[in-house]
Amino acid sequence: MTGSGRTRQGRAGSFPPRFEEALLSVRDTPRPRGLVLEEVPGPGRMAPFTAALTAETVQTVNEVPVGSGRFVILYDPSGQRAWHSDFRMVAMVRARLDEELHADPLLSSAAWSWLTDSLADARAGYHALVGTVTRVLSETFGGLDLSDACGHAEIRASWSPNTPDLGPHLTAWYELILVASGHEPARVRPLSLAGTPR
């Protein structure tokens, strides 16, 4: 993830050192197999500086990715009271679920634990975590007949990182997409994280 035309800037070509440090930490984060990534424009009204990334699983059902998501970095040099920080991470993950799991009454708490476990596994220090888990039933109609129906879980969350090193947070998001999609955790760790508690 870079600032070349994809990151909203206060002045053309101008990035605060802390934000540039954060972008470099994300750029250097190892990427797991099984995901197709795309850098996209960050939201323009949430902070003076933003960056964003989307991902989809290589695995599909009926040509639709089993899992997908969006990862957003917000930076306000002045900080924002609600963030308790100058940085804020915003993440969304949507994953297709089998019928049994979608009907499980414990799905919401389990899905939230996928997020918190992913952050813990990646040693991503954070605070002020908030979010929601939503069950979605999608029905696709062909003419007048129901041709496909499936359940999804949507995990939406935001949190404030403890440092500008955002690599562990990106790793946690990768892992969350894969776990929610029924895969084993990616277990991708930058070498600089080895043995270093967050």
N, C-alpha and C. Protein backbone atom coordinates (compact mmCIF):
# COMPACT_ATOMS: atom_id res chain seq x y z
N MET A 1 0.86 -1.18 0.00
CA MET A 1 0.00 0.00 0.00
C MET A 1 0.90 1.24 0.00
N THR A 2 0.68 2.11 -0.95
CA THR A 2 1.51 3.29 -1.09
C THR A 2 0.65 4.54 -1.14
N GLY A 3 1.31 5.68 -1.25
CA GLY A 3 0.58 6.94 -1.34
C GLY A 3 0.49 7.47 -2.76
N SER A 4 0.83 6.68 -3.72
CA SER A 4 0.86 7.16 -5.11
C SER A 4 -0.52 7.13 -5.74
N GLY A 5 -1.26 8.22 -5.54
CA GLY A 5 -2.55 8.37 -6.19
C GLY A 5 -3.67 7.57 -5.56
N ARG A 6 -3.38 6.74 -4.55
CA ARG A 6 -4.41 5.93 -3.93
C ARG A 6 -4.74 6.40 -2.53
N THR A 7 -3.90 7.23 -1.97
CA THR A 7 -4.09 7.69 -0.61
C THR A 7 -4.47 9.16 -0.61
N ARG A 8 -5.53 9.48 0.09
CA ARG A 8 -5.97 10.88 0.15
C ARG A 8 -4.94 11.69 0.93
N GLN A 9 -4.58 12.85 0.41
CA GLN A 9 -3.54 13.66 1.00
C GLN A 9 -4.04 15.08 1.27
N GLY A 10 -3.44 15.69 2.28
CA GLY A 10 -3.77 17.08 2.56
C GLY A 10 -3.23 17.99 1.47
N ARG A 11 -1.98 17.73 1.02
CA ARG A 11 -1.36 18.46 -0.08
C ARG A 11 -0.74 17.43 -1.01
N ALA A 12 -0.77 17.70 -2.29
CA ALA A 12 -0.25 16.74 -3.26
C ALA A 12 1.19 16.39 -2.93
N GLY A 13 1.47 15.07 -2.80
CA GLY A 13 2.82 14.61 -2.55
C GLY A 13 3.31 14.82 -1.13
N SER A 14 2.44 15.24 -0.23
CA SER A 14 2.86 15.54 1.14
C SER A 14 2.22 14.55 2.11
N PHE A 15 3.06 13.82 2.88
CA PHE A 15 2.56 12.87 3.86
C PHE A 15 3.25 13.13 5.20
N PRO A 16 2.51 13.20 6.29
CA PRO A 16 3.16 13.33 7.59
C PRO A 16 4.06 12.13 7.84
N PRO A 17 5.19 12.30 8.51
CA PRO A 17 6.12 11.19 8.75
C PRO A 17 5.47 9.99 9.43
N ARG A 18 4.55 10.23 10.39
CA ARG A 18 3.91 9.11 11.09
C ARG A 18 3.02 8.30 10.14
N PHE A 19 2.35 8.97 9.25
CA PHE A 19 1.49 8.28 8.29
C PHE A 19 2.35 7.51 7.28
N GLU A 20 3.44 8.13 6.85
CA GLU A 20 4.33 7.44 5.92
C GLU A 20 4.93 6.20 6.57
N GLU A 21 5.29 6.31 7.85
CA GLU A 21 5.81 5.16 8.59
C GLU A 21 4.78 4.02 8.62
N ALA A 22 3.52 4.38 8.84
CA ALA A 22 2.45 3.37 8.88
C ALA A 22 2.29 2.70 7.52
N LEU A 23 2.31 3.49 6.44
CA LEU A 23 2.16 2.91 5.11
C LEU A 23 3.30 1.96 4.77
N LEU A 24 4.51 2.33 5.18
CA LEU A 24 5.66 1.46 4.92
C LEU A 24 5.53 0.14 5.68
N SER A 25 5.01 0.20 6.90
CA SER A 25 4.85 -1.03 7.68
C SER A 25 3.84 -1.96 7.03
N VAL A 26 2.83 -1.39 6.40
CA VAL A 26 1.82 -2.20 5.72
C VAL A 26 2.39 -2.78 4.43
N ARG A 27 3.14 -1.97 3.70
CA ARG A 27 3.73 -2.42 2.45
C ARG A 27 4.65 -3.61 2.66
N ASP A 28 5.36 -3.62 3.77
CA ASP A 28 6.34 -4.67 4.04
C ASP A 28 5.73 -5.92 4.69
N THR A 29 4.43 -5.94 4.90
CA THR A 29 3.79 -7.08 5.55
C THR A 29 3.62 -8.23 4.56
N PRO A 30 4.09 -9.45 4.93
CA PRO A 30 3.91 -10.61 4.03
C PRO A 30 2.45 -10.84 3.70
N ARG A 31 2.19 -11.27 2.48
CA ARG A 31 0.82 -11.52 2.03
C ARG A 31 0.59 -13.01 1.93
N PRO A 32 -0.54 -13.49 2.44
CA PRO A 32 -0.82 -14.93 2.44
C PRO A 32 -1.31 -15.41 1.08
N ARG A 33 -1.17 -16.70 0.87
CA ARG A 33 -1.76 -17.31 -0.32
C ARG A 33 -3.27 -17.40 -0.14
N GLY A 34 -3.96 -17.50 -1.24
CA GLY A 34 -5.40 -17.70 -1.17
C GLY A 34 -6.22 -16.44 -1.20
N LEU A 35 -5.56 -15.26 -1.26
CA LEU A 35 -6.28 -14.00 -1.32
C LEU A 35 -5.82 -13.17 -2.51
N VAL A 36 -6.77 -12.53 -3.16
CA VAL A 36 -6.47 -11.58 -4.23
C VAL A 36 -6.67 -10.18 -3.67
N LEU A 37 -5.63 -9.37 -3.69
CA LEU A 37 -5.66 -8.05 -3.06
C LEU A 37 -5.72 -6.94 -4.10
N GLU A 38 -6.35 -5.84 -3.71
CA GLU A 38 -6.40 -4.66 -4.57
C GLU A 38 -6.36 -3.40 -3.72
N GLU A 39 -5.49 -2.50 -4.07
CA GLU A 39 -5.44 -1.21 -3.40
C GLU A 39 -6.53 -0.32 -3.99
N VAL A 40 -7.31 0.31 -3.13
CA VAL A 40 -8.44 1.15 -3.57
C VAL A 40 -8.36 2.49 -2.85
N PRO A 41 -9.06 3.51 -3.37
CA PRO A 41 -9.05 4.80 -2.68
C PRO A 41 -9.67 4.70 -1.29
N GLY A 42 -9.07 5.38 -0.33
CA GLY A 42 -9.63 5.42 1.01
C GLY A 42 -10.82 6.36 1.08
N PRO A 43 -11.66 6.22 2.09
CA PRO A 43 -12.81 7.12 2.25
C PRO A 43 -12.34 8.55 2.46
N GLY A 44 -12.98 9.49 1.80
CA GLY A 44 -12.48 10.85 1.78
C GLY A 44 -12.90 11.75 2.93
N ARG A 45 -13.92 11.36 3.70
CA ARG A 45 -14.45 12.28 4.70
C ARG A 45 -14.21 11.86 6.14
N MET A 46 -13.57 10.73 6.34
CA MET A 46 -13.43 10.20 7.70
C MET A 46 -12.17 10.68 8.41
N ALA A 47 -11.16 11.10 7.62
CA ALA A 47 -9.90 11.57 8.20
C ALA A 47 -9.13 12.33 7.14
N PRO A 48 -8.18 13.18 7.54
CA PRO A 48 -7.39 13.92 6.56
C PRO A 48 -6.55 13.02 5.66
N PHE A 49 -6.09 11.87 6.20
CA PHE A 49 -5.26 10.94 5.43
C PHE A 49 -5.84 9.54 5.57
N THR A 50 -6.02 8.86 4.44
CA THR A 50 -6.60 7.52 4.47
C THR A 50 -5.94 6.64 3.41
N ALA A 51 -6.07 5.34 3.61
CA ALA A 51 -5.62 4.36 2.64
C ALA A 51 -6.51 3.13 2.81
N ALA A 52 -6.66 2.35 1.74
CA ALA A 52 -7.58 1.21 1.83
C ALA A 52 -7.14 0.07 0.92
N LEU A 53 -7.56 -1.12 1.30
CA LEU A 53 -7.22 -2.33 0.58
C LEU A 53 -8.44 -3.24 0.60
N THR A 54 -8.70 -3.94 -0.50
CA THR A 54 -9.75 -4.95 -0.51
C THR A 54 -9.11 -6.31 -0.79
N ALA A 55 -9.84 -7.37 -0.42
CA ALA A 55 -9.34 -8.72 -0.65
C ALA A 55 -10.51 -9.65 -0.95
N GLU A 56 -10.25 -10.66 -1.76
CA GLU A 56 -11.21 -11.72 -2.04
C GLU A 56 -10.48 -13.05 -2.01
N THR A 57 -11.17 -14.08 -1.58
CA THR A 57 -10.57 -15.41 -1.60
C THR A 57 -10.48 -15.92 -3.02
N VAL A 58 -9.44 -16.69 -3.28
CA VAL A 58 -9.32 -17.36 -4.57
C VAL A 58 -10.43 -18.39 -4.72
N GLN A 59 -10.76 -19.05 -3.62
CA GLN A 59 -11.82 -20.04 -3.64
C GLN A 59 -13.17 -19.37 -3.86
N THR A 60 -13.98 -19.95 -4.75
CA THR A 60 -15.29 -19.40 -5.07
C THR A 60 -16.36 -20.49 -5.02
N VAL A 61 -17.60 -20.04 -4.91
CA VAL A 61 -18.77 -20.90 -5.06
C VAL A 61 -19.68 -20.20 -6.06
N ASN A 62 -20.01 -20.89 -7.14
CA ASN A 62 -20.80 -20.28 -8.21
C ASN A 62 -20.15 -18.98 -8.71
N GLU A 63 -18.82 -19.01 -8.80
CA GLU A 63 -18.01 -17.89 -9.30
C GLU A 63 -18.03 -16.67 -8.38
N VAL A 64 -18.50 -16.85 -7.15
CA VAL A 64 -18.48 -15.77 -6.15
C VAL A 64 -17.48 -16.13 -5.06
N PRO A 65 -16.56 -15.22 -4.71
CA PRO A 65 -15.58 -15.53 -3.66
C PRO A 65 -16.26 -15.98 -2.36
N VAL A 66 -15.67 -16.98 -1.72
CA VAL A 66 -16.20 -17.47 -0.44
C VAL A 66 -16.09 -16.38 0.62
N GLY A 67 -15.02 -15.61 0.58
CA GLY A 67 -14.82 -14.54 1.55
C GLY A 67 -14.27 -13.29 0.89
N SER A 68 -14.55 -12.15 1.48
CA SER A 68 -14.04 -10.88 0.97
C SER A 68 -13.94 -9.90 2.13
N GLY A 69 -13.29 -8.78 1.89
CA GLY A 69 -13.18 -7.80 2.96
C GLY A 69 -12.57 -6.50 2.51
N ARG A 70 -12.57 -5.55 3.43
CA ARG A 70 -12.00 -4.23 3.19
C ARG A 70 -11.25 -3.81 4.44
N PHE A 71 -10.07 -3.22 4.24
CA PHE A 71 -9.19 -2.79 5.33
C PHE A 71 -8.86 -1.32 5.10
N VAL A 72 -9.17 -0.47 6.08
CA VAL A 72 -9.00 0.97 5.92
C VAL A 72 -8.12 1.52 7.04
N ILE A 73 -7.19 2.38 6.66
CA ILE A 73 -6.35 3.11 7.61
C ILE A 73 -6.79 4.57 7.61
N LEU A 74 -7.11 5.07 8.79
CA LEU A 74 -7.46 6.48 8.95
C LEU A 74 -6.38 7.15 9.80
N TYR A 75 -5.98 8.34 9.39
CA TYR A 75 -4.97 9.08 10.18
C TYR A 75 -5.35 10.55 10.26
N ASP A 76 -5.40 11.04 11.47
CA ASP A 76 -5.65 12.46 11.73
C ASP A 76 -4.52 12.95 12.63
N PRO A 77 -3.61 13.77 12.12
CA PRO A 77 -2.48 14.24 12.93
C PRO A 77 -2.89 14.89 14.24
N SER A 78 -4.08 15.47 14.27
CA SER A 78 -4.56 16.11 15.49
C SER A 78 -5.23 15.13 16.45
N GLY A 79 -5.45 13.90 15.98
CA GLY A 79 -6.15 12.92 16.80
C GLY A 79 -7.65 13.19 16.81
N GLN A 80 -8.42 12.18 17.18
CA GLN A 80 -9.86 12.33 17.34
C GLN A 80 -10.27 11.73 18.68
N ARG A 81 -11.10 12.44 19.41
CA ARG A 81 -11.46 12.04 20.77
C ARG A 81 -12.06 10.63 20.79
N ALA A 82 -12.90 10.31 19.83
CA ALA A 82 -13.55 9.00 19.83
C ALA A 82 -12.55 7.87 19.58
N TRP A 83 -11.45 8.19 18.89
CA TRP A 83 -10.44 7.16 18.60
C TRP A 83 -9.51 6.92 19.79
N HIS A 84 -9.31 7.94 20.63
CA HIS A 84 -8.27 7.90 21.66
C HIS A 84 -6.91 7.67 21.01
N SER A 85 -6.72 8.26 19.84
CA SER A 85 -5.51 8.02 19.06
C SER A 85 -5.51 8.93 17.85
N ASP A 86 -4.40 8.95 17.12
CA ASP A 86 -4.36 9.65 15.84
C ASP A 86 -4.59 8.70 14.67
N PHE A 87 -4.58 7.38 14.95
CA PHE A 87 -4.86 6.37 13.94
C PHE A 87 -6.14 5.63 14.28
N ARG A 88 -6.82 5.14 13.26
CA ARG A 88 -7.99 4.28 13.45
C ARG A 88 -8.01 3.26 12.32
N MET A 89 -8.21 1.99 12.68
CA MET A 89 -8.35 0.94 11.69
C MET A 89 -9.84 0.62 11.53
N VAL A 90 -10.27 0.42 10.32
CA VAL A 90 -11.65 0.03 10.03
C VAL A 90 -11.59 -1.22 9.15
N ALA A 91 -12.26 -2.28 9.56
CA ALA A 91 -12.19 -3.53 8.81
C ALA A 91 -13.57 -4.12 8.62
N MET A 92 -13.76 -4.74 7.48
CA MET A 92 -14.99 -5.47 7.18
C MET A 92 -14.61 -6.80 6.56
N VAL A 93 -15.30 -7.85 6.98
CA VAL A 93 -15.12 -9.17 6.38
C VAL A 93 -16.50 -9.77 6.16
N ARG A 94 -16.69 -10.34 4.98
CA ARG A 94 -17.94 -11.03 4.65
C ARG A 94 -17.58 -12.43 4.17
N ALA A 95 -18.21 -13.46 4.74
CA ALA A 95 -17.87 -14.83 4.38
C ALA A 95 -19.11 -15.69 4.23
N ARG A 96 -19.09 -16.56 3.27
CA ARG A 96 -20.19 -17.49 3.03
C ARG A 96 -20.12 -18.60 4.09
N LEU A 97 -21.28 -18.97 4.64
CA LEU A 97 -21.35 -19.99 5.68
C LEU A 97 -22.24 -21.14 5.23
N ASP A 98 -21.92 -22.33 5.72
CA ASP A 98 -22.83 -23.44 5.43
C ASP A 98 -24.08 -23.28 6.28
N GLU A 99 -25.13 -24.01 5.94
CA GLU A 99 -26.44 -23.83 6.56
C GLU A 99 -26.39 -24.09 8.06
N GLU A 100 -25.65 -25.12 8.48
CA GLU A 100 -25.59 -25.47 9.90
C GLU A 100 -24.96 -24.36 10.72
N LEU A 101 -23.84 -23.82 10.22
CA LEU A 101 -23.16 -22.75 10.96
C LEU A 101 -23.98 -21.48 10.96
N HIS A 102 -24.64 -21.17 9.86
CA HIS A 102 -25.44 -19.95 9.79
C HIS A 102 -26.58 -19.98 10.81
N ALA A 103 -27.10 -21.19 11.10
CA ALA A 103 -28.21 -21.32 12.05
C ALA A 103 -27.75 -21.42 13.49
N ASP A 104 -26.47 -21.52 13.72
CA ASP A 104 -25.94 -21.68 15.07
C ASP A 104 -26.22 -20.41 15.89
N PRO A 105 -26.89 -20.53 17.06
CA PRO A 105 -27.18 -19.34 17.86
C PRO A 105 -25.93 -18.67 18.42
N LEU A 106 -24.82 -19.39 18.44
CA LEU A 106 -23.56 -18.83 18.95
C LEU A 106 -22.69 -18.23 17.85
N LEU A 107 -23.23 -18.12 16.64
CA LEU A 107 -22.43 -17.64 15.52
C LEU A 107 -21.84 -16.26 15.78
N SER A 108 -22.62 -15.33 16.29
CA SER A 108 -22.15 -13.96 16.46
C SER A 108 -20.95 -13.88 17.41
N SER A 109 -21.06 -14.56 18.55
CA SER A 109 -19.94 -14.53 19.50
C SER A 109 -18.73 -15.27 18.94
N ALA A 110 -18.98 -16.34 18.19
CA ALA A 110 -17.86 -17.07 17.58
C ALA A 110 -17.16 -16.20 16.54
N ALA A 111 -17.94 -15.52 15.71
CA ALA A 111 -17.36 -14.67 14.67
C ALA A 111 -16.56 -13.52 15.28
N TRP A 112 -17.06 -12.96 16.37
CA TRP A 112 -16.31 -11.88 17.04
C TRP A 112 -15.00 -12.41 17.60
N SER A 113 -15.02 -13.65 18.10
CA SER A 113 -13.79 -14.24 18.63
C SER A 113 -12.78 -14.49 17.51
N TRP A 114 -13.26 -14.73 16.27
CA TRP A 114 -12.32 -14.86 15.16
C TRP A 114 -11.51 -13.58 15.00
N LEU A 115 -12.18 -12.44 15.18
CA LEU A 115 -11.49 -11.16 15.08
C LEU A 115 -10.50 -10.97 16.21
N THR A 116 -10.95 -11.13 17.45
CA THR A 116 -10.06 -10.88 18.58
C THR A 116 -8.91 -11.89 18.62
N ASP A 117 -9.18 -13.14 18.23
CA ASP A 117 -8.11 -14.14 18.18
C ASP A 117 -7.10 -13.79 17.10
N SER A 118 -7.57 -13.30 15.97
CA SER A 118 -6.66 -12.91 14.89
C SER A 118 -5.75 -11.77 15.32
N LEU A 119 -6.32 -10.79 16.02
CA LEU A 119 -5.50 -9.68 16.53
C LEU A 119 -4.48 -10.17 17.54
N ALA A 120 -4.89 -11.10 18.40
CA ALA A 120 -3.98 -11.65 19.40
C ALA A 120 -2.88 -12.48 18.75
N ASP A 121 -3.25 -13.31 17.77
CA ASP A 121 -2.27 -14.14 17.07
C ASP A 121 -1.21 -13.30 16.38
N ALA A 122 -1.64 -12.17 15.82
CA ALA A 122 -0.71 -11.29 15.11
C ALA A 122 0.05 -10.35 16.03
N ARG A 123 -0.28 -10.40 17.34
CA ARG A 123 0.34 -9.50 18.32
C ARG A 123 0.13 -8.04 17.93
N ALA A 124 -1.09 -7.76 17.52
CA ALA A 124 -1.45 -6.39 17.14
C ALA A 124 -1.99 -5.66 18.36
N GLY A 125 -1.20 -4.80 18.94
CA GLY A 125 -1.65 -4.04 20.10
C GLY A 125 -2.72 -3.04 19.71
N TYR A 126 -3.82 -3.01 20.46
CA TYR A 126 -4.93 -2.13 20.09
C TYR A 126 -5.72 -1.73 21.33
N HIS A 127 -6.62 -0.75 21.14
CA HIS A 127 -7.57 -0.35 22.18
C HIS A 127 -8.80 0.22 21.50
N ALA A 128 -9.84 0.47 22.28
CA ALA A 128 -11.10 1.06 21.78
C ALA A 128 -11.69 0.26 20.62
N LEU A 129 -11.75 -1.06 20.79
CA LEU A 129 -12.32 -1.93 19.76
C LEU A 129 -13.84 -1.95 19.85
N VAL A 130 -14.51 -1.71 18.74
CA VAL A 130 -15.98 -1.78 18.66
C VAL A 130 -16.35 -2.44 17.33
N GLY A 131 -17.54 -3.00 17.27
CA GLY A 131 -17.95 -3.59 16.01
C GLY A 131 -19.25 -4.36 16.10
N THR A 132 -19.62 -4.97 15.00
CA THR A 132 -20.86 -5.74 14.91
C THR A 132 -20.63 -7.01 14.10
N VAL A 133 -21.46 -8.01 14.36
CA VAL A 133 -21.52 -9.22 13.55
C VAL A 133 -22.96 -9.36 13.07
N THR A 134 -23.14 -9.50 11.76
CA THR A 134 -24.47 -9.57 11.17
C THR A 134 -24.60 -10.84 10.36
N ARG A 135 -25.75 -11.52 10.53
CA ARG A 135 -26.07 -12.67 9.68
C ARG A 135 -26.86 -12.16 8.49
N VAL A 136 -26.50 -12.63 7.31
CA VAL A 136 -27.18 -12.21 6.08
C VAL A 136 -27.62 -13.45 5.31
N LEU A 137 -28.88 -13.52 4.93
CA LEU A 137 -29.37 -14.59 4.08
C LEU A 137 -29.56 -14.04 2.68
N SER A 138 -28.78 -14.56 1.74
CA SER A 138 -28.85 -14.09 0.35
C SER A 138 -29.61 -15.11 -0.49
N GLU A 139 -30.56 -14.64 -1.27
CA GLU A 139 -31.34 -15.50 -2.15
C GLU A 139 -31.23 -14.97 -3.57
N THR A 140 -30.84 -15.83 -4.49
CA THR A 140 -30.69 -15.45 -5.88
C THR A 140 -31.80 -16.09 -6.70
N PHE A 141 -32.50 -15.29 -7.46
CA PHE A 141 -33.63 -15.79 -8.23
C PHE A 141 -33.29 -15.79 -9.73
N GLY A 142 -33.68 -16.89 -10.38
CA GLY A 142 -33.53 -16.99 -11.82
C GLY A 142 -34.94 -17.08 -12.41
N GLY A 143 -35.41 -16.05 -13.05
CA GLY A 143 -36.80 -16.02 -13.51
C GLY A 143 -37.70 -15.96 -12.30
N LEU A 144 -38.61 -16.92 -12.16
CA LEU A 144 -39.53 -16.94 -11.03
C LEU A 144 -39.13 -17.99 -10.00
N ASP A 145 -38.05 -18.72 -10.25
CA ASP A 145 -37.67 -19.82 -9.36
C ASP A 145 -36.42 -19.45 -8.57
N LEU A 146 -36.38 -19.87 -7.31
CA LEU A 146 -35.21 -19.66 -6.47
C LEU A 146 -34.10 -20.57 -6.97
N SER A 147 -32.99 -19.98 -7.39
CA SER A 147 -31.91 -20.78 -7.95
C SER A 147 -30.77 -20.99 -6.96
N ASP A 148 -30.67 -20.16 -5.94
CA ASP A 148 -29.59 -20.32 -4.98
C ASP A 148 -29.92 -19.54 -3.72
N ALA A 149 -29.57 -20.10 -2.57
CA ALA A 149 -29.73 -19.41 -1.30
C ALA A 149 -28.56 -19.78 -0.41
N CYS A 150 -27.99 -18.79 0.25
CA CYS A 150 -26.85 -19.08 1.13
C CYS A 150 -26.79 -18.05 2.24
N GLY A 151 -26.14 -18.43 3.32
CA GLY A 151 -25.99 -17.52 4.44
C GLY A 151 -24.58 -16.94 4.48
N HIS A 152 -24.48 -15.73 4.97
CA HIS A 152 -23.20 -15.05 5.13
C HIS A 152 -23.10 -14.47 6.53
N ALA A 153 -21.88 -14.28 6.96
CA ALA A 153 -21.62 -13.51 8.17
C ALA A 153 -20.84 -12.27 7.76
N GLU A 154 -21.22 -11.12 8.30
CA GLU A 154 -20.49 -9.87 8.07
C GLU A 154 -19.94 -9.37 9.40
N ILE A 155 -18.65 -9.21 9.44
CA ILE A 155 -17.97 -8.69 10.62
C ILE A 155 -17.47 -7.29 10.29
N ARG A 156 -17.93 -6.32 11.04
CA ARG A 156 -17.49 -4.93 10.85
C ARG A 156 -16.92 -4.44 12.17
N ALA A 157 -15.73 -3.87 12.12
CA ALA A 157 -15.09 -3.46 13.37
C ALA A 157 -14.14 -2.30 13.12
N SER A 158 -13.88 -1.56 14.19
CA SER A 158 -12.85 -0.53 14.14
C SER A 158 -12.12 -0.53 15.47
N TRP A 159 -10.86 -0.14 15.44
CA TRP A 159 -10.05 -0.10 16.65
C TRP A 159 -8.88 0.85 16.43
N SER A 160 -8.26 1.23 17.51
CA SER A 160 -7.11 2.13 17.44
C SER A 160 -5.84 1.34 17.74
N PRO A 161 -4.85 1.41 16.85
CA PRO A 161 -3.59 0.70 17.08
C PRO A 161 -2.76 1.42 18.13
N ASN A 162 -1.95 0.67 18.85
CA ASN A 162 -1.11 1.28 19.89
C ASN A 162 0.13 1.97 19.33
N THR A 163 0.54 1.59 18.11
CA THR A 163 1.72 2.18 17.48
C THR A 163 1.46 2.36 15.99
N PRO A 164 2.30 3.13 15.28
CA PRO A 164 2.14 3.27 13.82
C PRO A 164 2.56 2.03 13.04
N ASP A 165 3.07 1.01 13.71
CA ASP A 165 3.42 -0.24 13.03
C ASP A 165 2.13 -1.01 12.79
N LEU A 166 1.58 -0.88 11.59
CA LEU A 166 0.27 -1.45 11.28
C LEU A 166 0.35 -2.81 10.61
N GLY A 167 1.56 -3.32 10.39
CA GLY A 167 1.71 -4.62 9.77
C GLY A 167 0.96 -5.72 10.50
N PRO A 168 1.06 -5.82 11.83
CA PRO A 168 0.33 -6.87 12.54
C PRO A 168 -1.19 -6.75 12.38
N HIS A 169 -1.70 -5.55 12.24
CA HIS A 169 -3.14 -5.36 12.07
C HIS A 169 -3.59 -5.86 10.70
N LEU A 170 -2.75 -5.62 9.69
CA LEU A 170 -3.07 -6.13 8.36
C LEU A 170 -3.02 -7.66 8.36
N THR A 171 -2.01 -8.23 9.03
CA THR A 171 -1.90 -9.68 9.14
C THR A 171 -3.14 -10.27 9.81
N ALA A 172 -3.63 -9.60 10.85
CA ALA A 172 -4.83 -10.07 11.55
C ALA A 172 -6.04 -10.06 10.62
N TRP A 173 -6.14 -9.03 9.79
CA TRP A 173 -7.26 -8.95 8.84
C TRP A 173 -7.19 -10.07 7.82
N TYR A 174 -5.97 -10.33 7.29
CA TYR A 174 -5.81 -11.46 6.38
C TYR A 174 -6.32 -12.74 7.04
N GLU A 175 -5.85 -12.97 8.25
CA GLU A 175 -6.21 -14.19 8.97
C GLU A 175 -7.71 -14.28 9.21
N LEU A 176 -8.33 -13.16 9.55
CA LEU A 176 -9.77 -13.14 9.80
C LEU A 176 -10.55 -13.57 8.56
N ILE A 177 -10.16 -13.07 7.39
CA ILE A 177 -10.86 -13.45 6.17
C ILE A 177 -10.76 -14.95 5.94
N LEU A 178 -9.56 -15.50 6.12
CA LEU A 178 -9.36 -16.91 5.86
C LEU A 178 -10.08 -17.79 6.87
N VAL A 179 -10.03 -17.41 8.13
CA VAL A 179 -10.72 -18.19 9.16
C VAL A 179 -12.22 -18.14 8.95
N ALA A 180 -12.75 -16.96 8.68
CA ALA A 180 -14.19 -16.82 8.44
C ALA A 180 -14.64 -17.61 7.22
N SER A 181 -13.72 -17.81 6.28
CA SER A 181 -14.03 -18.55 5.06
C SER A 181 -13.81 -20.05 5.20
N GLY A 182 -13.45 -20.48 6.42
CA GLY A 182 -13.31 -21.90 6.67
C GLY A 182 -11.92 -22.45 6.49
N HIS A 183 -10.92 -21.58 6.37
CA HIS A 183 -9.55 -22.01 6.19
C HIS A 183 -8.78 -21.92 7.50
N GLU A 184 -7.63 -22.59 7.52
CA GLU A 184 -6.74 -22.45 8.66
C GLU A 184 -6.13 -21.05 8.63
N PRO A 185 -5.77 -20.52 9.81
CA PRO A 185 -5.13 -19.20 9.84
C PRO A 185 -3.90 -19.15 8.96
N ALA A 186 -3.66 -17.99 8.37
CA ALA A 186 -2.54 -17.84 7.44
C ALA A 186 -1.20 -18.04 8.13
N ARG A 187 -1.09 -17.62 9.39
CA ARG A 187 0.15 -17.74 10.16
C ARG A 187 1.32 -17.06 9.47
N VAL A 188 1.03 -15.96 8.80
CA VAL A 188 2.10 -15.20 8.16
C VAL A 188 2.57 -14.13 9.13
N ARG A 189 3.83 -14.11 9.41
CA ARG A 189 4.37 -13.14 10.36
C ARG A 189 5.62 -12.49 9.79
N PRO A 190 5.72 -11.16 9.83
CA PRO A 190 6.98 -10.52 9.47
C PRO A 190 8.07 -10.97 10.43
N LEU A 191 9.30 -11.08 9.94
CA LEU A 191 10.39 -11.52 10.80
C LEU A 191 10.57 -10.62 12.01
N SER A 192 10.27 -9.33 11.85
CA SER A 192 10.47 -8.38 12.94
C SER A 192 9.53 -8.63 14.11
N LEU A 193 8.46 -9.44 13.87
CA LEU A 193 7.52 -9.72 14.94
C LEU A 193 7.91 -10.92 15.79
N ALA A 194 8.85 -11.72 15.28
CA ALA A 194 9.18 -12.96 15.96
C ALA A 194 9.69 -12.68 17.37
N GLY A 195 8.97 -13.21 18.34
CA GLY A 195 9.39 -13.08 19.73
C GLY A 195 9.22 -11.70 20.30
N THR A 196 8.53 -10.82 19.60
CA THR A 196 8.35 -9.46 20.09
C THR A 196 6.93 -9.24 20.54
N PRO A 197 6.67 -9.19 21.85
CA PRO A 197 5.30 -9.00 22.33
C PRO A 197 4.81 -7.63 22.00
N ARG A 198 3.49 -7.53 21.77
CA ARG A 198 2.87 -6.25 21.48
C ARG A 198 2.02 -5.81 22.67
